[in-house]
Amino acid sequence: MVGVDGKSRRLNDTAFVNRLLQYVAETVGTHENGAVVQAALKDVDVRLRALNNLASKGVHGNVTTYEVDTCVVQTYLVVADLLRIRERAASRGG
Protein backbone atom coordinates (compact mmCIF):
# COMPACT_ATOMS: atom_id res chain seq x y z
CA MET A 1 0.00 0.00 0.00
CA VAL A 2 1.22 3.53 -0.75
CA GLY A 3 0.49 5.95 2.09
CA VAL A 4 -0.22 9.66 2.13
CA ASP A 5 3.49 10.21 2.65
CA GLY A 6 4.25 8.54 -0.69
CA LYS A 7 5.96 5.53 0.91
CA SER A 8 5.05 2.02 -0.15
CA ARG A 9 4.57 -0.31 2.81
CA ARG A 10 3.60 -3.94 3.23
CA LEU A 11 0.82 -3.94 5.85
CA ASN A 12 0.28 -7.62 6.62
CA ASP A 13 0.08 -9.15 10.10
CA THR A 14 3.85 -9.53 10.49
CA ALA A 15 4.65 -5.95 9.44
CA PHE A 16 3.65 -4.23 12.68
CA VAL A 17 6.29 -1.49 12.32
CA ASN A 18 4.98 -0.67 8.85
CA ARG A 19 1.42 -0.57 10.16
CA LEU A 20 2.40 1.82 12.96
CA LEU A 21 4.24 4.06 10.49
CA GLN A 22 1.26 4.01 8.14
CA TYR A 23 -0.99 5.02 11.04
CA VAL A 24 1.29 7.94 11.90
CA ALA A 25 1.50 9.03 8.26
CA GLU A 26 -2.28 8.89 7.84
CA THR A 27 -3.01 10.55 11.17
CA VAL A 28 -0.50 13.36 10.92
CA GLY A 29 -0.49 13.63 7.15
CA THR A 30 1.96 15.67 5.13
CA HIS A 31 0.22 19.00 5.69
CA GLU A 32 1.18 19.77 9.28
CA ASN A 33 4.58 21.36 9.80
CA GLY A 34 5.84 19.79 6.58
CA ALA A 35 9.48 18.85 7.00
CA VAL A 36 9.25 18.67 10.81
CA VAL A 37 6.48 16.05 10.71
CA GLN A 38 8.29 14.03 8.06
CA ALA A 39 11.48 14.11 10.15
CA ALA A 40 9.50 12.93 13.18
CA LEU A 41 8.02 10.09 11.13
CA LYS A 42 11.50 9.02 10.02
CA ASP A 43 12.64 9.19 13.65
CA VAL A 44 9.77 6.96 14.79
CA ASP A 45 10.65 4.54 11.97
CA VAL A 46 14.30 4.35 13.01
CA ARG A 47 13.44 4.01 16.70
CA LEU A 48 10.82 1.29 16.14
CA ARG A 49 13.16 -0.76 13.96
CA ALA A 50 16.05 -0.38 16.41
CA LEU A 51 13.81 -1.40 19.32
CA ASN A 52 12.54 -4.40 17.41
CA ASN A 53 16.11 -5.47 16.65
CA LEU A 54 17.14 -4.99 20.28
CA ALA A 55 14.09 -6.87 21.58
CA SER A 56 14.74 -9.71 19.12
CA LYS A 57 18.37 -10.01 20.22
CA GLY A 58 17.30 -11.87 23.35
CA VAL A 59 16.13 -14.76 21.23
CA HIS A 60 19.57 -15.21 19.67
CA GLY A 61 22.12 -14.18 22.27
CA ASN A 62 22.94 -12.81 25.66
CA VAL A 63 21.19 -9.62 26.65
CA THR A 64 22.63 -7.28 29.25
CA THR A 65 20.58 -5.55 31.92
CA TYR A 66 21.49 -2.24 30.27
CA GLU A 67 20.03 -3.43 26.94
CA VAL A 68 16.82 -4.56 28.62
CA ASP A 69 16.50 -1.23 30.46
CA THR A 70 17.16 0.68 27.22
CA CYS A 71 14.58 -1.36 25.36
CA VAL A 72 11.91 -0.82 28.02
CA VAL A 73 12.53 2.92 28.39
CA GLN A 74 12.69 3.54 24.64
CA THR A 75 9.52 1.49 24.11
CA TYR A 76 7.69 3.71 26.61
CA LEU A 77 8.95 6.82 24.81
CA VAL A 78 7.84 5.59 21.38
CA VAL A 79 4.45 4.54 22.74
CA ALA A 80 4.07 7.97 24.37
CA ASP A 81 4.80 9.63 21.03
CA LEU A 82 2.22 7.46 19.28
CA LEU A 83 -0.38 8.16 21.96
CA ARG A 84 0.22 11.91 21.65
CA ILE A 85 -0.33 11.65 17.90
CA ARG A 86 -3.56 9.73 18.48
CA GLU A 87 -4.75 12.17 21.16
CA ARG A 88 -4.06 15.17 18.95
CA ALA A 89 -5.89 13.56 16.02
CA ALA A 90 -8.88 12.82 18.26
CA SER A 91 -9.02 16.44 19.46
CA ARG A 92 -9.09 17.58 15.81
CA GLY A 93 -11.92 15.18 15.09
CA GLY A 94 -9.71 12.79 13.07
PDB file of N, CA and C in Angstrom:
ATOM      1  N   MET A   1       0.853  -1.178   0.000  1.00  0.00           N
ATOM      2  CA  MET A   1       0.000   0.000   0.000  1.00  0.00           C
ATOM      3  C   MET A   1       0.896   1.236   0.000  1.00  0.00           C
ATOM      4  N   VAL A   2       0.500   2.258  -0.744  1.00  0.00           N
ATOM      5  CA  VAL A   2       1.218   3.531  -0.752  1.00  0.00           C
ATOM      6  C   VAL A   2       0.450   4.498   0.134  1.00  0.00           C
ATOM      7  N   GLY A   3       1.130   5.048   1.137  1.00  0.00           N
ATOM      8  CA  GLY A   3       0.492   5.947   2.088  1.00  0.00           C
ATOM      9  C   GLY A   3       0.471   7.389   1.626  1.00  0.00           C
ATOM     10  N   VAL A   4      -0.124   8.241   2.443  1.00  0.00           N
ATOM     11  CA  VAL A   4      -0.218   9.663   2.130  1.00  0.00           C
ATOM     12  C   VAL A   4       1.146  10.326   2.082  1.00  0.00           C
ATOM     13  N   ASP A   5       2.143   9.666   2.669  1.00  0.00           N
ATOM     14  CA  ASP A   5       3.495  10.209   2.650  1.00  0.00           C
ATOM     15  C   ASP A   5       4.281   9.751   1.423  1.00  0.00           C
ATOM     16  N   GLY A   6       3.609   8.992   0.530  1.00  0.00           N
ATOM     17  CA  GLY A   6       4.253   8.543  -0.689  1.00  0.00           C
ATOM     18  C   GLY A   6       5.094   7.292  -0.539  1.00  0.00           C
ATOM     19  N   LYS A   7       5.163   6.732   0.656  1.00  0.00           N
ATOM     20  CA  LYS A   7       5.959   5.530   0.912  1.00  0.00           C
ATOM     21  C   LYS A   7       5.110   4.287   0.680  1.00  0.00           C
ATOM     22  N   SER A   8       5.705   3.303   0.052  1.00  0.00           N
ATOM     23  CA  SER A   8       5.048   2.019  -0.153  1.00  0.00           C
ATOM     24  C   SER A   8       5.386   1.117   1.029  1.00  0.00           C
ATOM     25  N   ARG A   9       4.360   0.543   1.646  1.00  0.00           N
ATOM     26  CA  ARG A   9       4.567  -0.312   2.812  1.00  0.00           C
ATOM     27  C   ARG A   9       3.733  -1.576   2.702  1.00  0.00           C
ATOM     28  N   ARG A  10       4.325  -2.682   3.101  1.00  0.00           N
ATOM     29  CA  ARG A  10       3.598  -3.940   3.228  1.00  0.00           C
ATOM     30  C   ARG A  10       2.893  -3.875   4.578  1.00  0.00           C
ATOM     31  N   LEU A  11       1.591  -4.118   4.614  1.00  0.00           N
ATOM     32  CA  LEU A  11       0.822  -3.936   5.848  1.00  0.00           C
ATOM     33  C   LEU A  11       0.167  -5.227   6.331  1.00  0.00           C
ATOM     34  N   ASN A  12       0.855  -6.356   6.157  1.00  0.00           N
ATOM     35  CA  ASN A  12       0.275  -7.617   6.620  1.00  0.00           C
ATOM     36  C   ASN A  12       0.472  -7.789   8.126  1.00  0.00           C
ATOM     37  N   ASP A  13       0.046  -8.917   8.653  1.00  0.00           N
ATOM     38  CA  ASP A  13       0.081  -9.147  10.099  1.00  0.00           C
ATOM     39  C   ASP A  13       1.483  -9.097  10.698  1.00  0.00           C
ATOM     40  N   THR A  14       2.496  -9.496   9.940  1.00  0.00           N
ATOM     41  CA  THR A  14       3.854  -9.525  10.490  1.00  0.00           C
ATOM     42  C   THR A  14       4.565  -8.179  10.393  1.00  0.00           C
ATOM     43  N   ALA A  15       3.996  -7.245   9.667  1.00  0.00           N
ATOM     44  CA  ALA A  15       4.655  -5.955   9.438  1.00  0.00           C
ATOM     45  C   ALA A  15       4.126  -4.888  10.396  1.00  0.00           C
ATOM     46  N   PHE A  16       4.238  -5.149  11.708  1.00  0.00           N
ATOM     47  CA  PHE A  16       3.652  -4.229  12.685  1.00  0.00           C
ATOM     48  C   PHE A  16       4.319  -2.860  12.667  1.00  0.00           C
ATOM     49  N   VAL A  17       5.627  -2.788  12.396  1.00  0.00           N
ATOM     50  CA  VAL A  17       6.292  -1.488  12.322  1.00  0.00           C
ATOM     51  C   VAL A  17       5.726  -0.700  11.146  1.00  0.00           C
ATOM     52  N   ASN A  18       5.559  -1.345  10.010  1.00  0.00           N
ATOM     53  CA  ASN A  18       4.984  -0.666   8.847  1.00  0.00           C
ATOM     54  C   ASN A  18       3.572  -0.178   9.133  1.00  0.00           C
ATOM     55  N   ARG A  19       2.784  -0.983   9.839  1.00  0.00           N
ATOM     56  CA  ARG A  19       1.417  -0.566  10.158  1.00  0.00           C
ATOM     57  C   ARG A  19       1.406   0.643  11.092  1.00  0.00           C
ATOM     58  N   LEU A  20       2.308   0.658  12.072  1.00  0.00           N
ATOM     59  CA  LEU A  20       2.403   1.823  12.960  1.00  0.00           C
ATOM     60  C   LEU A  20       2.815   3.073  12.179  1.00  0.00           C
ATOM     61  N   LEU A  21       3.794   2.911  11.292  1.00  0.00           N
ATOM     62  CA  LEU A  21       4.242   4.057  10.493  1.00  0.00           C
ATOM     63  C   LEU A  21       3.131   4.541   9.566  1.00  0.00           C
ATOM     64  N   GLN A  22       2.378   3.625   9.008  1.00  0.00           N
ATOM     65  CA  GLN A  22       1.261   4.010   8.142  1.00  0.00           C
ATOM     66  C   GLN A  22       0.223   4.776   8.948  1.00  0.00           C
ATOM     67  N   TYR A  23      -0.051   4.316  10.167  1.00  0.00           N
ATOM     68  CA  TYR A  23      -0.992   5.020  11.044  1.00  0.00           C
ATOM     69  C   TYR A  23      -0.526   6.451  11.302  1.00  0.00           C
ATOM     70  N   VAL A  24       0.757   6.600  11.632  1.00  0.00           N
ATOM     71  CA  VAL A  24       1.295   7.936  11.903  1.00  0.00           C
ATOM     72  C   VAL A  24       1.188   8.799  10.650  1.00  0.00           C
ATOM     73  N   ALA A  25       1.564   8.262   9.507  1.00  0.00           N
ATOM     74  CA  ALA A  25       1.505   9.029   8.261  1.00  0.00           C
ATOM     75  C   ALA A  25       0.079   9.457   7.946  1.00  0.00           C
ATOM     76  N   GLU A  26      -0.878   8.553   8.120  1.00  0.00           N
ATOM     77  CA  GLU A  26      -2.277   8.890   7.837  1.00  0.00           C
ATOM     78  C   GLU A  26      -2.849   9.857   8.859  1.00  0.00           C
ATOM     79  N   THR A  27      -2.458   9.709  10.109  1.00  0.00           N
ATOM     80  CA  THR A  27      -3.009  10.545  11.174  1.00  0.00           C
ATOM     81  C   THR A  27      -2.444  11.954  11.116  1.00  0.00           C
ATOM     82  N   VAL A  28      -1.138  12.051  10.945  1.00  0.00           N
ATOM     83  CA  VAL A  28      -0.495  13.363  10.917  1.00  0.00           C
ATOM     84  C   VAL A  28      -0.601  13.976   9.535  1.00  0.00           C
ATOM     85  N   GLY A  29      -0.435  13.142   8.522  1.00  0.00           N
ATOM     86  CA  GLY A  29      -0.489  13.633   7.153  1.00  0.00           C
ATOM     87  C   GLY A  29       0.760  14.415   6.801  1.00  0.00           C
ATOM     88  N   THR A  30       0.802  14.905   5.589  1.00  0.00           N
ATOM     89  CA  THR A  30       1.963  15.669   5.133  1.00  0.00           C
ATOM     90  C   THR A  30       1.738  17.168   5.247  1.00  0.00           C
ATOM     91  N   HIS A  31       0.567  17.582   5.693  1.00  0.00           N
ATOM     92  CA  HIS A  31       0.219  18.997   5.688  1.00  0.00           C
ATOM     93  C   HIS A  31       0.694  19.758   6.919  1.00  0.00           C
ATOM     94  N   GLU A  32       0.843  19.074   8.051  1.00  0.00           N
ATOM     95  CA  GLU A  32       1.185  19.770   9.285  1.00  0.00           C
ATOM     96  C   GLU A  32       2.693  19.890   9.460  1.00  0.00           C
ATOM     97  N   ASN A  33       3.177  21.077   9.544  1.00  0.00           N
ATOM     98  CA  ASN A  33       4.583  21.362   9.800  1.00  0.00           C
ATOM     99  C   ASN A  33       5.540  20.712   8.817  1.00  0.00           C
ATOM    100  N   GLY A  34       5.039  20.308   7.675  1.00  0.00           N
ATOM    101  CA  GLY A  34       5.836  19.788   6.580  1.00  0.00           C
ATOM    102  C   GLY A  34       7.048  18.975   6.955  1.00  0.00           C
ATOM    103  N   ALA A  35       8.217  19.557   6.813  1.00  0.00           N
ATOM    104  CA  ALA A  35       9.479  18.849   7.004  1.00  0.00           C
ATOM    105  C   ALA A  35       9.646  18.348   8.438  1.00  0.00           C
ATOM    106  N   VAL A  36       9.106  19.072   9.408  1.00  0.00           N
ATOM    107  CA  VAL A  36       9.247  18.665  10.810  1.00  0.00           C
ATOM    108  C   VAL A  36       8.497  17.355  11.047  1.00  0.00           C
ATOM    109  N   VAL A  37       7.279  17.256  10.527  1.00  0.00           N
ATOM    110  CA  VAL A  37       6.484  16.047  10.709  1.00  0.00           C
ATOM    111  C   VAL A  37       7.146  14.873   9.992  1.00  0.00           C
ATOM    112  N   GLN A  38       7.633  15.106   8.795  1.00  0.00           N
ATOM    113  CA  GLN A  38       8.289  14.025   8.059  1.00  0.00           C
ATOM    114  C   GLN A  38       9.549  13.562   8.789  1.00  0.00           C
ATOM    115  N   ALA A  39      10.290  14.485   9.377  1.00  0.00           N
ATOM    116  CA  ALA A  39      11.479  14.112  10.154  1.00  0.00           C
ATOM    117  C   ALA A  39      11.073  13.287  11.373  1.00  0.00           C
ATOM    118  N   ALA A  40       9.980  13.673  12.022  1.00  0.00           N
ATOM    119  CA  ALA A  40       9.498  12.927  13.181  1.00  0.00           C
ATOM    120  C   ALA A  40       9.076  11.515  12.775  1.00  0.00           C
ATOM    121  N   LEU A  41       8.433  11.397  11.621  1.00  0.00           N
ATOM    122  CA  LEU A  41       8.021  10.090  11.127  1.00  0.00           C
ATOM    123  C   LEU A  41       9.244   9.209  10.867  1.00  0.00           C
ATOM    124  N   LYS A  42      10.264   9.777  10.256  1.00  0.00           N
ATOM    125  CA  LYS A  42      11.496   9.021  10.018  1.00  0.00           C
ATOM    126  C   LYS A  42      12.134   8.605  11.340  1.00  0.00           C
ATOM    127  N   ASP A  43      12.078   9.500  12.331  1.00  0.00           N
ATOM    128  CA  ASP A  43      12.637   9.194  13.646  1.00  0.00           C
ATOM    129  C   ASP A  43      11.891   8.035  14.295  1.00  0.00           C
ATOM    130  N   VAL A  44      10.558   8.051  14.227  1.00  0.00           N
ATOM    131  CA  VAL A  44       9.766   6.960  14.792  1.00  0.00           C
ATOM    132  C   VAL A  44      10.111   5.659  14.070  1.00  0.00           C
ATOM    133  N   ASP A  45      10.270   5.718  12.757  1.00  0.00           N
ATOM    134  CA  ASP A  45      10.649   4.542  11.966  1.00  0.00           C
ATOM    135  C   ASP A  45      11.968   3.961  12.464  1.00  0.00           C
ATOM    136  N   VAL A  46      12.984   4.801  12.576  1.00  0.00           N
ATOM    137  CA  VAL A  46      14.304   4.346  13.013  1.00  0.00           C
ATOM    138  C   VAL A  46      14.239   3.778  14.427  1.00  0.00           C
ATOM    139  N   ARG A  47      13.534   4.465  15.315  1.00  0.00           N
ATOM    140  CA  ARG A  47      13.438   4.013  16.704  1.00  0.00           C
ATOM    141  C   ARG A  47      12.704   2.681  16.818  1.00  0.00           C
ATOM    142  N   LEU A  48      11.579   2.538  16.086  1.00  0.00           N
ATOM    143  CA  LEU A  48      10.819   1.292  16.138  1.00  0.00           C
ATOM    144  C   LEU A  48      11.649   0.118  15.630  1.00  0.00           C
ATOM    145  N   ARG A  49      12.352   0.333  14.522  1.00  0.00           N
ATOM    146  CA  ARG A  49      13.159  -0.759  13.956  1.00  0.00           C
ATOM    147  C   ARG A  49      14.326  -1.114  14.882  1.00  0.00           C
ATOM    148  N   ALA A  50      14.945  -0.110  15.482  1.00  0.00           N
ATOM    149  CA  ALA A  50      16.046  -0.375  16.412  1.00  0.00           C
ATOM    150  C   ALA A  50      15.539  -1.114  17.649  1.00  0.00           C
ATOM    151  N   LEU A  51      14.386  -0.710  18.162  1.00  0.00           N
ATOM    152  CA  LEU A  51      13.807  -1.396  19.323  1.00  0.00           C
ATOM    153  C   LEU A  51      13.445  -2.835  18.989  1.00  0.00           C
ATOM    154  N   ASN A  52      12.894  -3.049  17.815  1.00  0.00           N
ATOM    155  CA  ASN A  52      12.541  -4.398  17.406  1.00  0.00           C
ATOM    156  C   ASN A  52      13.796  -5.269  17.310  1.00  0.00           C
ATOM    157  N   ASN A  53      14.848  -4.722  16.738  1.00  0.00           N
ATOM    158  CA  ASN A  53      16.109  -5.468  16.652  1.00  0.00           C
ATOM    159  C   ASN A  53      16.674  -5.779  18.034  1.00  0.00           C
ATOM    160  N   LEU A  54      16.620  -4.794  18.927  1.00  0.00           N
ATOM    161  CA  LEU A  54      17.136  -4.995  20.282  1.00  0.00           C
ATOM    162  C   LEU A  54      16.293  -6.033  21.028  1.00  0.00           C
ATOM    163  N   ALA A  55      14.974  -5.925  20.898  1.00  0.00           N
ATOM    164  CA  ALA A  55      14.090  -6.872  21.576  1.00  0.00           C
ATOM    165  C   ALA A  55      14.281  -8.283  21.032  1.00  0.00           C
ATOM    166  N   SER A  56      14.548  -8.400  19.745  1.00  0.00           N
ATOM    167  CA  SER A  56      14.745  -9.715  19.120  1.00  0.00           C
ATOM    168  C   SER A  56      16.091 -10.322  19.461  1.00  0.00           C
ATOM    169  N   LYS A  57      17.034  -9.523  19.896  1.00  0.00           N
ATOM    170  CA  LYS A  57      18.370 -10.013  20.222  1.00  0.00           C
ATOM    171  C   LYS A  57      18.314 -11.081  21.305  1.00  0.00           C
ATOM    172  N   GLY A  58      17.398 -10.928  22.236  1.00  0.00           N
ATOM    173  CA  GLY A  58      17.300 -11.869  23.345  1.00  0.00           C
ATOM    174  C   GLY A  58      17.016 -13.291  22.912  1.00  0.00           C
ATOM    175  N   VAL A  59      16.432 -13.442  21.742  1.00  0.00           N
ATOM    176  CA  VAL A  59      16.134 -14.765  21.226  1.00  0.00           C
ATOM    177  C   VAL A  59      17.410 -15.454  20.760  1.00  0.00           C
ATOM    178  N   HIS A  60      18.389 -14.657  20.322  1.00  0.00           N
ATOM    179  CA  HIS A  60      19.573 -15.213  19.671  1.00  0.00           C
ATOM    180  C   HIS A  60      20.881 -15.056  20.448  1.00  0.00           C
ATOM    181  N   GLY A  61      20.854 -14.380  21.570  1.00  0.00           N
ATOM    182  CA  GLY A  61      22.120 -14.181  22.268  1.00  0.00           C
ATOM    183  C   GLY A  61      21.910 -13.703  23.682  1.00  0.00           C
ATOM    184  N   ASN A  62      22.986 -13.332  24.297  1.00  0.00           N
ATOM    185  CA  ASN A  62      22.938 -12.815  25.655  1.00  0.00           C
ATOM    186  C   ASN A  62      22.531 -11.346  25.639  1.00  0.00           C
ATOM    187  N   VAL A  63      21.666 -10.992  26.546  1.00  0.00           N
ATOM    188  CA  VAL A  63      21.189  -9.621  26.646  1.00  0.00           C
ATOM    189  C   VAL A  63      21.612  -9.079  28.007  1.00  0.00           C
ATOM    190  N   THR A  64      22.196  -7.882  27.992  1.00  0.00           N
ATOM    191  CA  THR A  64      22.628  -7.284  29.248  1.00  0.00           C
ATOM    192  C   THR A  64      21.455  -6.562  29.916  1.00  0.00           C
ATOM    193  N   THR A  65      21.591  -6.315  31.195  1.00  0.00           N
ATOM    194  CA  THR A  65      20.577  -5.554  31.923  1.00  0.00           C
ATOM    195  C   THR A  65      20.421  -4.164  31.312  1.00  0.00           C
ATOM    196  N   TYR A  66      21.524  -3.567  30.900  1.00  0.00           N
ATOM    197  CA  TYR A  66      21.486  -2.240  30.274  1.00  0.00           C
ATOM    198  C   TYR A  66      20.639  -2.284  29.001  1.00  0.00           C
ATOM    199  N   GLU A  67      20.805  -3.325  28.182  1.00  0.00           N
ATOM    200  CA  GLU A  67      20.028  -3.432  26.942  1.00  0.00           C
ATOM    201  C   GLU A  67      18.545  -3.603  27.231  1.00  0.00           C
ATOM    202  N   VAL A  68      18.222  -4.378  28.243  1.00  0.00           N
ATOM    203  CA  VAL A  68      16.817  -4.556  28.621  1.00  0.00           C
ATOM    204  C   VAL A  68      16.236  -3.223  29.091  1.00  0.00           C
ATOM    205  N   ASP A  69      16.965  -2.524  29.966  1.00  0.00           N
ATOM    206  CA  ASP A  69      16.500  -1.225  30.457  1.00  0.00           C
ATOM    207  C   ASP A  69      16.303  -0.250  29.304  1.00  0.00           C
ATOM    208  N   THR A  70      17.257  -0.217  28.382  1.00  0.00           N
ATOM    209  CA  THR A  70      17.158   0.676  27.222  1.00  0.00           C
ATOM    210  C   THR A  70      15.932   0.342  26.390  1.00  0.00           C
ATOM    211  N   CYS A  71      15.724  -0.922  26.153  1.00  0.00           N
ATOM    212  CA  CYS A  71      14.580  -1.362  25.357  1.00  0.00           C
ATOM    213  C   CYS A  71      13.265  -0.947  26.012  1.00  0.00           C
ATOM    214  N   VAL A  72      13.150  -1.168  27.302  1.00  0.00           N
ATOM    215  CA  VAL A  72      11.914  -0.822  28.022  1.00  0.00           C
ATOM    216  C   VAL A  72      11.669   0.685  28.004  1.00  0.00           C
ATOM    217  N   VAL A  73      12.683   1.456  28.346  1.00  0.00           N
ATOM    218  CA  VAL A  73      12.530   2.923  28.387  1.00  0.00           C
ATOM    219  C   VAL A  73      12.203   3.471  27.005  1.00  0.00           C
ATOM    220  N   GLN A  74      12.926   3.037  25.998  1.00  0.00           N
ATOM    221  CA  GLN A  74      12.686   3.541  24.643  1.00  0.00           C
ATOM    222  C   GLN A  74      11.315   3.112  24.117  1.00  0.00           C
ATOM    223  N   THR A  75      10.869   1.926  24.505  1.00  0.00           N
ATOM    224  CA  THR A  75       9.525   1.488  24.114  1.00  0.00           C
ATOM    225  C   THR A  75       8.480   2.418  24.710  1.00  0.00           C
ATOM    226  N   TYR A  76       8.624   2.759  25.991  1.00  0.00           N
ATOM    227  CA  TYR A  76       7.692   3.706  26.614  1.00  0.00           C
ATOM    228  C   TYR A  76       7.700   5.049  25.883  1.00  0.00           C
ATOM    229  N   LEU A  77       8.867   5.525  25.500  1.00  0.00           N
ATOM    230  CA  LEU A  77       8.954   6.816  24.809  1.00  0.00           C
ATOM    231  C   LEU A  77       8.274   6.777  23.446  1.00  0.00           C
ATOM    232  N   VAL A  78       8.489   5.701  22.694  1.00  0.00           N
ATOM    233  CA  VAL A  78       7.845   5.585  21.381  1.00  0.00           C
ATOM    234  C   VAL A  78       6.328   5.473  21.547  1.00  0.00           C
ATOM    235  N   VAL A  79       5.888   4.675  22.504  1.00  0.00           N
ATOM    236  CA  VAL A  79       4.452   4.536  22.743  1.00  0.00           C
ATOM    237  C   VAL A  79       3.848   5.883  23.150  1.00  0.00           C
ATOM    238  N   ALA A  80       4.554   6.637  23.977  1.00  0.00           N
ATOM    239  CA  ALA A  80       4.071   7.969  24.374  1.00  0.00           C
ATOM    240  C   ALA A  80       3.929   8.873  23.155  1.00  0.00           C
ATOM    241  N   ASP A  81       4.900   8.835  22.252  1.00  0.00           N
ATOM    242  CA  ASP A  81       4.803   9.633  21.026  1.00  0.00           C
ATOM    243  C   ASP A  81       3.590   9.224  20.205  1.00  0.00           C
ATOM    244  N   LEU A  82       3.366   7.936  20.053  1.00  0.00           N
ATOM    245  CA  LEU A  82       2.220   7.455  19.275  1.00  0.00           C
ATOM    246  C   LEU A  82       0.898   7.842  19.939  1.00  0.00           C
ATOM    247  N   LEU A  83       0.844   7.766  21.262  1.00  0.00           N
ATOM    248  CA  LEU A  83      -0.384   8.159  21.963  1.00  0.00           C
ATOM    249  C   LEU A  83      -0.649   9.655  21.837  1.00  0.00           C
ATOM    250  N   ARG A  84       0.400  10.465  21.848  1.00  0.00           N
ATOM    251  CA  ARG A  84       0.217  11.914  21.648  1.00  0.00           C
ATOM    252  C   ARG A  84      -0.325  12.201  20.254  1.00  0.00           C
ATOM    253  N   ILE A  85       0.165  11.485  19.272  1.00  0.00           N
ATOM    254  CA  ILE A  85      -0.333  11.650  17.902  1.00  0.00           C
ATOM    255  C   ILE A  85      -1.822  11.281  17.849  1.00  0.00           C
ATOM    256  N   ARG A  86      -2.161  10.174  18.476  1.00  0.00           N
ATOM    257  CA  ARG A  86      -3.562   9.735  18.485  1.00  0.00           C
ATOM    258  C   ARG A  86      -4.444  10.733  19.226  1.00  0.00           C
ATOM    259  N   GLU A  87      -3.984  11.199  20.366  1.00  0.00           N
ATOM    260  CA  GLU A  87      -4.746  12.171  21.162  1.00  0.00           C
ATOM    261  C   GLU A  87      -4.984  13.463  20.386  1.00  0.00           C
ATOM    262  N   ARG A  88      -3.940  13.934  19.729  1.00  0.00           N
ATOM    263  CA  ARG A  88      -4.062  15.170  18.949  1.00  0.00           C
ATOM    264  C   ARG A  88      -5.031  14.998  17.792  1.00  0.00           C
ATOM    265  N   ALA A  89      -4.971  13.830  17.132  1.00  0.00           N
ATOM    266  CA  ALA A  89      -5.894  13.559  16.023  1.00  0.00           C
ATOM    267  C   ALA A  89      -7.334  13.512  16.526  1.00  0.00           C
ATOM    268  N   ALA A  90      -7.537  12.918  17.701  1.00  0.00           N
ATOM    269  CA  ALA A  90      -8.878  12.821  18.261  1.00  0.00           C
ATOM    270  C   ALA A  90      -9.426  14.197  18.607  1.00  0.00           C
ATOM    271  N   SER A  91      -8.570  15.090  19.097  1.00  0.00           N
ATOM    272  CA  SER A  91      -9.020  16.437  19.459  1.00  0.00           C
ATOM    273  C   SER A  91      -9.363  17.256  18.229  1.00  0.00           C
ATOM    274  N   ARG A  92      -8.788  16.902  17.070  1.00  0.00           N
ATOM    275  CA  ARG A  92      -9.094  17.583  15.812  1.00  0.00           C
ATOM    276  C   ARG A  92     -10.312  16.972  15.137  1.00  0.00           C
ATOM    277  N   GLY A  93     -10.796  15.853  15.699  1.00  0.00           N
ATOM    278  CA  GLY A  93     -11.924  15.180  15.088  1.00  0.00           C
ATOM    279  C   GLY A  93     -11.511  14.171  14.049  1.00  0.00           C
ATOM    280  N   GLY A  94     -10.207  13.745  14.076  1.00  0.00           N
ATOM    281  CA  GLY A  94      -9.711  12.790  13.072  1.00  0.00           C
ATOM    282  C   GLY A  94      -9.775  11.379  13.496  1.00  0.00           C
TER     283      GLY A  94
END
